[in-house]
Amino acid sequence: MMYESINYKKRDNQLVQCNTCSHFCEIQPGNVGVCAVRKNIQGKLELLVYGQAAAANIDPVEKKPLFHFYPGSQTFSVGTLGCNFRCDNCQNYEISQIDKLKLEQSLQNYGIAISAQEIVDRALNGNCKSIAYTYNEPTIFLEYALDIMKLARKKGLKNIWVSNGFMSNSTLEMIAPYLDAINIDLKSFDQDFYQKYCGADLPIVKQNCQQIINYNIWLELTTLIIPDYTDDYKMLGKLTNFIKNRLGEQVPWHISAFSPEISWKMRDGKPTSLELLYNIYKIGKKAGLKYVYAGNVVDEGLDDTVCDHCKAKVIKRIGYKVSNNLDDNKCFNCQREIQGVFK
C-alpha cells in the first residue's frame, strides 16, 4: 500500500527531497531513495510499505535489547522491508537490504498486510506492555510507525524504537511525543567505519543520541563487537567516554558478540571471543558507566543488573528469563536508586 510521505519537499521538474532521515535523498521521478521504500511518483514521494510488515512477533523486551525498560515484559515487534544503512554485518539483510529493482517481488515474498489498528489489537491481546518498531530501521517507515504509535499511546501501550539513530531532526521531533524508549545501535566511534561499512555518518548519530536524552526518552545503546573492525580499545575508550560525559553514566551499554555466519557480507570474519567481551566490559566500567551488559553469549552474570553502590544483583537474567528483585526502582539491599523505567 502506498502512502504519501509526511516529511519531504517538492522541487522543480518533479524532483523531491526526502527529509525523513539524514541522507536527505534528492529523488528523480520513478526513482527511490537509499532506503528503497520511498519512491517519487510523478512528483509525490510515496512510502511503498505502509501497512505491509515484513515481520510481526511477540518478543521479550530484553531481546531489543532493553534491560531497564519494564524488564520481563513482552513487546509486540514489527518491521518492514528496507533500510537507510547498508551494514556489511547486517543479520536481517534479507528484509533490510532488498534489491531496489525487485521491491514488488520482495513485498509479495515478505509483506504481511496488517493495519496500525490490528497491530495495537494484537499487542493488547498478547498481554504486551509495548510495541517495538524493529527488525529494520523504523525511520524509513515513519508514517506507518507514527500512526501505530498514536493509537498505542491512547491504549496505554508504550512505544519502543530499535534504531540506527540516523533520523532527521524533523522526524525526531515528530516521534518524540509518542516515543517512550529507544535502543540505538552505536556501531563504532570511528567515522571511517560508518562511511565504509554502513554508508552513514557518525556525528549525526551522536547528535541524535544527545537530543534523545534532552527529550527525556529512555535510551540504551548497543555496540556489536566485530573482531578487527570494532574491537579497538582506544576507539571504545572514546565511545564509552562519550556515553559517560555527553549522555550520562546511567545509559546502559550493551556489547554484543558477532556471529559471522549470519552476517550479510562479513562471513569470513572472526566470531567474538568471551575474553574479548570481558575486556571491553571492563573498558565500559572503567569509564564510569553504571550498567554494562554483554549479549549473544552464554555466561552467567554478564547480563545481570548490579547495584553500583552495594553490588547486589537487583535483576538476574538467564537468557530471557528475568528475576526482578527491585524494590520499586531501588536496590532491595541498600535502597540506592536504579535508573530506568520499571513501572
Protein backbone atom coordinates (compact mmCIF):
# COMPACT_ATOMS: atom_id res chain seq x y z
CA MET A 1 0.00 0.00 0.00
CA MET A 2 1.34 3.41 -0.99
CA TYR A 3 1.07 6.36 1.39
CA GLU A 4 2.29 9.90 0.72
CA SER A 5 5.30 10.88 2.81
CA ILE A 6 4.74 13.47 5.52
CA ASN A 7 8.33 14.71 5.52
CA TYR A 8 9.57 15.84 2.11
CA LYS A 9 9.83 18.89 -0.13
CA LYS A 10 8.86 19.28 -3.76
CA ARG A 11 11.49 20.74 -6.09
CA ASP A 12 11.43 21.88 -9.71
CA ASN A 13 10.80 19.43 -12.55
CA GLN A 14 9.04 16.94 -10.22
CA LEU A 15 12.22 16.39 -8.20
CA VAL A 16 11.60 15.71 -4.49
CA GLN A 17 13.84 15.87 -1.42
CA CYS A 18 13.10 13.35 1.30
CA ASN A 19 13.65 14.77 4.79
CA THR A 20 12.82 11.61 6.75
CA CYS A 21 16.38 10.56 7.53
CA SER A 22 19.70 12.38 7.42
CA HIS A 23 20.59 11.22 3.92
CA PHE A 24 18.15 13.85 2.62
CA CYS A 25 17.87 12.00 -0.68
CA GLU A 26 17.01 14.01 -3.79
CA ILE A 27 14.89 11.65 -5.85
CA GLN A 28 14.04 11.88 -9.53
CA PRO A 29 10.60 10.78 -10.80
CA GLY A 30 10.38 6.99 -10.92
CA ASN A 31 13.32 6.50 -8.55
CA VAL A 32 13.60 5.50 -4.90
CA GLY A 33 15.84 6.79 -2.12
CA VAL A 34 18.65 4.98 -0.30
CA CYS A 35 16.09 3.06 1.79
CA ALA A 36 14.42 1.66 -1.37
CA VAL A 37 10.91 2.10 0.05
CA ARG A 38 10.26 5.80 -0.71
CA LYS A 39 9.53 6.47 -4.36
CA ASN A 40 8.99 9.61 -6.39
CA ILE A 41 5.78 9.02 -8.29
CA GLN A 42 5.09 11.95 -10.61
CA GLY A 43 6.46 14.48 -8.14
CA LYS A 44 4.94 12.95 -5.00
CA LEU A 45 7.02 10.98 -2.51
CA GLU A 46 5.24 7.77 -1.62
CA LEU A 47 6.00 5.24 1.13
CA LEU A 48 5.68 1.83 -0.52
CA VAL A 49 5.48 -0.33 2.62
CA TYR A 50 2.72 1.38 4.60
CA GLY A 51 0.60 -1.36 6.22
CA GLN A 52 2.99 -4.05 4.95
CA ALA A 53 5.02 -5.66 7.71
CA ALA A 54 7.91 -7.96 6.84
CA ALA A 55 7.86 -9.43 10.35
CA ALA A 56 5.50 -9.22 13.33
CA ASN A 57 6.07 -11.19 16.54
CA ILE A 58 5.79 -11.06 20.31
CA ASP A 59 9.24 -10.85 21.92
CA PRO A 60 10.75 -10.33 25.36
CA VAL A 61 11.68 -6.67 25.70
CA GLU A 62 15.19 -7.84 26.64
CA LYS A 63 15.61 -9.05 23.05
CA LYS A 64 15.63 -5.49 21.70
CA PRO A 65 17.80 -5.19 23.88
CA LEU A 66 16.26 -3.06 26.63
CA PHE A 67 17.20 -4.08 30.18
CA HIS A 68 15.95 -1.06 32.13
CA PHE A 69 12.55 -0.62 30.50
CA TYR A 70 9.84 -2.81 32.04
CA PRO A 71 12.18 -5.82 32.42
CA GLY A 72 10.50 -9.17 31.98
CA SER A 73 7.65 -7.74 29.89
CA GLN A 74 6.57 -8.70 26.40
CA THR A 75 6.65 -6.35 23.40
CA PHE A 76 4.90 -6.68 20.06
CA SER A 77 7.63 -6.30 17.45
CA VAL A 78 7.02 -5.08 13.91
CA GLY A 79 9.22 -4.10 10.96
CA THR A 80 9.07 -3.66 7.19
CA LEU A 81 11.35 -4.10 4.22
CA GLY A 82 14.22 -1.72 3.56
CA CYS A 83 16.88 0.24 5.44
CA ASN A 84 18.76 3.53 5.09
CA PHE A 85 22.05 1.83 6.09
CA ARG A 86 23.91 -0.90 4.22
CA CYS A 87 25.80 -2.51 7.10
CA ASP A 88 28.06 -5.32 5.92
CA ASN A 89 27.44 -7.14 9.21
CA CYS A 90 23.62 -6.96 9.00
CA GLN A 91 21.86 -10.11 10.20
CA ASN A 92 18.41 -9.08 8.90
CA TYR A 93 19.73 -8.42 5.40
CA GLU A 94 17.02 -10.47 3.70
CA ILE A 95 14.47 -7.84 4.60
CA SER A 96 16.66 -4.77 5.10
CA GLN A 97 18.91 -4.98 2.04
CA ILE A 98 16.28 -5.55 -0.59
CA ASP A 99 17.03 -5.21 -4.27
CA LYS A 100 15.58 -1.85 -5.32
CA LEU A 101 14.65 -3.32 -8.68
CA LYS A 102 12.74 -6.22 -7.10
CA LEU A 103 10.80 -4.41 -4.39
CA GLU A 104 7.39 -5.54 -5.64
CA GLN A 105 8.55 -9.18 -5.68
CA SER A 106 10.03 -8.77 -2.19
CA LEU A 107 6.74 -7.35 -0.92
CA GLN A 108 4.98 -10.46 -2.22
CA ASN A 109 7.51 -12.74 -0.51
CA TYR A 110 7.76 -10.92 2.82
CA GLY A 111 4.88 -8.50 3.05
CA ILE A 112 2.20 -9.10 5.69
CA ALA A 113 -0.80 -6.82 5.30
CA ILE A 114 -1.52 -5.54 8.79
CA SER A 115 -3.08 -2.23 9.75
CA ALA A 116 -1.97 0.06 12.56
CA GLN A 117 -5.13 -0.79 14.50
CA GLU A 118 -4.57 -4.52 14.07
CA ILE A 119 -1.02 -4.23 15.43
CA VAL A 120 -2.32 -2.44 18.53
CA ASP A 121 -5.06 -5.04 18.95
CA ARG A 122 -2.55 -7.90 18.67
CA ALA A 123 -0.31 -6.26 21.25
CA LEU A 124 -3.18 -5.89 23.68
CA ASN A 125 -4.44 -9.42 23.08
CA GLY A 126 -0.91 -10.74 23.63
CA ASN A 127 -0.64 -9.01 27.02
CA CYS A 128 2.21 -6.88 25.73
CA LYS A 129 3.37 -3.82 27.60
CA SER A 130 4.72 -2.12 24.50
CA ILE A 131 5.14 -2.10 20.74
CA ALA A 132 8.68 -2.26 19.32
CA TYR A 133 9.49 -0.90 15.89
CA THR A 134 12.42 -3.11 14.96
CA TYR A 135 13.91 -5.74 12.61
CA ASN A 136 14.77 -2.98 10.13
CA GLU A 137 15.14 0.78 10.63
CA PRO A 138 11.83 2.32 11.81
CA THR A 139 12.77 5.76 10.49
CA ILE A 140 12.14 4.57 6.94
CA PHE A 141 8.53 3.57 7.72
CA LEU A 142 7.87 6.74 9.70
CA GLU A 143 4.26 7.27 8.62
CA TYR A 144 3.26 3.68 9.39
CA ALA A 145 5.12 3.72 12.72
CA LEU A 146 3.71 7.08 13.76
CA ASP A 147 0.11 6.01 13.13
CA ILE A 148 0.69 2.90 15.25
CA MET A 149 2.39 4.93 17.99
CA LYS A 150 -0.50 7.35 18.29
CA LEU A 151 -3.04 4.53 18.60
CA ALA A 152 -0.80 2.67 21.05
CA ARG A 153 -0.46 5.72 23.29
CA LYS A 154 -4.27 6.03 23.50
CA LYS A 155 -4.49 2.40 24.64
CA GLY A 156 -1.80 2.72 27.30
CA LEU A 157 0.88 0.83 25.36
CA LYS A 158 4.47 2.06 25.37
CA ASN A 159 6.43 2.70 22.17
CA ILE A 160 9.98 1.47 21.58
CA TRP A 161 12.29 2.09 18.64
CA VAL A 162 15.31 -0.06 17.82
CA SER A 163 17.23 2.27 15.57
CA ASN A 164 20.49 3.22 13.91
CA GLY A 165 19.91 6.79 15.11
CA PHE A 166 20.13 8.41 11.67
CA MET A 167 16.72 10.06 11.63
CA SER A 168 16.44 13.73 10.67
CA ASN A 169 15.74 16.39 13.30
CA SER A 170 12.24 16.88 11.93
CA THR A 171 11.48 13.16 12.16
CA LEU A 172 12.76 13.04 15.73
CA GLU A 173 10.51 15.98 16.60
CA MET A 174 7.52 14.09 15.16
CA ILE A 175 8.07 10.88 17.08
CA ALA A 176 9.37 12.32 20.38
CA PRO A 177 5.92 13.00 21.93
CA TYR A 178 4.98 9.31 21.46
CA LEU A 179 8.33 7.56 21.97
CA ASP A 180 9.00 6.05 25.42
CA ALA A 181 12.27 4.20 24.89
CA ILE A 182 14.86 3.60 22.21
CA ASN A 183 17.89 1.38 21.70
CA ILE A 184 20.36 2.95 19.30
CA ASP A 185 22.99 0.86 17.61
CA LEU A 186 26.17 2.89 18.14
CA LYS A 187 28.17 0.81 15.74
CA SER A 188 31.59 2.35 16.30
CA PHE A 189 33.19 5.63 17.28
CA ASP A 190 35.07 5.85 14.01
CA GLN A 191 33.73 7.93 11.14
CA ASP A 192 35.62 5.89 8.54
CA PHE A 193 33.89 2.71 9.76
CA TYR A 194 30.48 4.35 9.45
CA GLN A 195 31.18 5.57 5.92
CA LYS A 196 32.83 2.40 4.62
CA TYR A 197 30.74 -0.31 6.26
CA CYS A 198 27.38 1.40 6.94
CA GLY A 199 27.08 4.17 4.36
CA ALA A 200 26.36 6.80 7.00
CA ASP A 201 27.90 9.41 9.31
CA LEU A 202 28.80 9.08 12.99
CA PRO A 203 28.34 12.78 14.02
CA ILE A 204 24.63 12.65 13.18
CA VAL A 205 24.13 9.54 15.32
CA LYS A 206 25.97 11.18 18.23
CA GLN A 207 23.86 14.32 17.89
CA ASN A 208 20.63 12.33 17.87
CA CYS A 209 21.67 10.38 20.97
CA GLN A 210 22.16 13.65 22.81
CA GLN A 211 18.86 15.03 21.55
CA ILE A 212 17.01 11.90 22.74
CA ILE A 213 18.41 12.48 26.23
CA ASN A 214 17.17 16.08 26.01
CA TYR A 215 13.70 14.77 25.12
CA ASN A 216 13.78 12.60 28.27
CA ILE A 217 13.26 9.43 26.27
CA TRP A 218 14.80 6.34 27.90
CA LEU A 219 17.95 5.47 25.94
CA GLU A 220 20.04 2.32 25.78
CA LEU A 221 22.93 1.71 23.38
CA THR A 222 24.28 -1.36 21.62
CA THR A 223 27.70 -1.90 20.03
CA LEU A 224 28.40 -5.06 18.06
CA ILE A 225 31.97 -6.14 18.75
CA ILE A 226 33.39 -7.29 15.41
CA PRO A 227 36.97 -8.54 15.73
CA ASP A 228 39.39 -6.39 13.69
CA TYR A 229 36.65 -3.85 12.96
CA THR A 230 35.04 -2.51 16.14
CA ASP A 231 37.22 -4.01 18.87
CA ASP A 232 39.91 -1.31 19.09
CA TYR A 233 40.34 -0.50 22.78
CA LYS A 234 41.33 3.13 22.18
CA MET A 235 38.28 3.73 19.99
CA LEU A 236 35.99 2.05 22.51
CA GLY A 237 37.51 4.19 25.26
CA LYS A 238 36.42 7.27 23.32
CA LEU A 239 32.98 5.76 22.79
CA THR A 240 32.44 5.00 26.48
CA ASN A 241 33.71 8.44 27.49
CA PHE A 242 31.16 9.95 25.10
CA ILE A 243 28.38 7.96 26.78
CA LYS A 244 29.54 8.96 30.26
CA ASN A 245 30.20 12.64 29.58
CA ARG A 246 27.58 13.53 26.96
CA LEU A 247 24.71 11.13 27.64
CA GLY A 248 25.10 10.09 31.26
CA GLU A 249 26.54 7.29 33.35
CA GLN A 250 23.03 5.84 33.71
CA VAL A 251 22.73 4.95 30.00
CA PRO A 252 23.06 1.15 29.65
CA TRP A 253 25.66 -0.03 27.13
CA HIS A 254 25.17 -3.44 25.53
CA ILE A 255 28.18 -5.07 23.87
CA SER A 256 27.20 -7.95 21.61
CA ALA A 257 29.17 -10.84 20.19
CA PHE A 258 29.48 -11.05 16.41
CA SER A 259 28.48 -14.23 14.55
CA PRO A 260 29.93 -14.12 11.01
CA GLU A 261 27.81 -16.99 9.70
CA ILE A 262 24.61 -14.93 9.88
CA SER A 263 26.04 -11.65 8.58
CA TRP A 264 25.45 -10.17 5.13
CA LYS A 265 28.99 -9.56 3.83
CA MET A 266 31.33 -10.48 6.70
CA ARG A 267 31.03 -14.25 6.66
CA ASP A 268 34.80 -14.67 6.55
CA GLY A 269 35.15 -12.68 9.77
CA LYS A 270 36.03 -14.00 13.20
CA PRO A 271 33.46 -14.58 15.96
CA THR A 272 33.79 -12.56 19.13
CA SER A 273 35.50 -14.39 21.97
CA LEU A 274 34.23 -14.29 25.54
CA GLU A 275 37.63 -12.98 26.64
CA LEU A 276 37.31 -10.01 24.26
CA LEU A 277 33.86 -9.19 25.60
CA TYR A 278 35.17 -9.33 29.17
CA ASN A 279 37.96 -6.91 28.31
CA ILE A 280 35.57 -4.47 26.64
CA TYR A 281 33.13 -4.81 29.53
CA LYS A 282 35.97 -3.58 31.76
CA ILE A 283 36.52 -0.57 29.46
CA GLY A 284 32.90 0.48 29.99
CA LYS A 285 33.12 0.07 33.75
CA LYS A 286 36.46 1.90 33.90
CA ALA A 287 34.87 4.82 32.03
CA GLY A 288 32.31 5.07 34.83
CA LEU A 289 29.28 3.53 33.16
CA LYS A 290 26.88 2.10 35.73
CA TYR A 291 25.30 -0.53 33.52
CA VAL A 292 27.30 -2.58 31.02
CA TYR A 293 25.93 -5.80 29.54
CA ALA A 294 27.33 -8.49 27.24
CA GLY A 295 24.97 -10.18 24.79
CA ASN A 296 24.91 -13.10 22.36
CA VAL A 297 27.00 -15.18 24.78
CA VAL A 298 26.19 -17.81 27.36
CA ASP A 299 27.90 -16.66 30.54
CA GLU A 300 26.02 -16.18 33.76
CA GLY A 301 26.43 -12.72 35.26
CA LEU A 302 27.33 -10.59 32.26
CA ASP A 303 23.72 -9.58 31.70
CA ASP A 304 22.65 -9.12 35.33
CA THR A 305 21.78 -5.65 36.64
CA VAL A 306 24.03 -4.88 39.59
CA CYS A 307 23.60 -2.05 42.08
CA ASP A 308 26.50 0.34 41.57
CA HIS A 309 26.66 1.03 45.31
CA CYS A 310 26.46 -2.31 47.17
CA LYS A 311 26.96 -4.64 44.16
CA ALA A 312 23.78 -6.63 44.87
CA LYS A 313 22.21 -8.32 41.83
CA VAL A 314 18.90 -6.50 41.57
CA ILE A 315 17.84 -8.10 38.27
CA LYS A 316 19.09 -11.56 37.34
CA ARG A 317 18.89 -12.84 33.78
CA ILE A 318 19.39 -16.31 32.33
CA GLY A 319 18.67 -15.99 28.65
CA TYR A 320 15.31 -14.24 28.54
CA LYS A 321 14.26 -15.50 31.96
CA VAL A 322 14.22 -12.48 34.27
CA SER A 323 14.16 -12.36 38.06
CA ASN A 324 13.41 -8.81 39.19
CA ASN A 325 14.36 -8.08 42.80
CA LEU A 326 13.90 -4.32 42.67
CA ASP A 327 12.09 -2.58 45.50
CA ASP A 328 10.08 -0.26 43.22
CA ASN A 329 13.04 1.31 41.40
CA LYS A 330 15.52 0.83 44.24
CA CYS A 331 18.06 -1.77 45.26
CA PHE A 332 16.46 -4.26 47.64
CA ASN A 333 19.63 -4.28 49.74
CA CYS A 334 20.74 -0.65 50.13
CA GLN A 335 17.82 1.33 48.64
CA ARG A 336 20.05 3.03 46.05
CA GLU A 337 18.02 4.16 43.01
CA ILE A 338 18.45 2.05 39.87
CA GLN A 339 17.87 4.22 36.82
CA GLY A 340 15.27 3.07 34.34
CA VAL A 341 11.54 2.77 33.70
CA PHE A 342 10.25 -0.06 35.84
CA LYS A 343 6.56 0.65 36.47
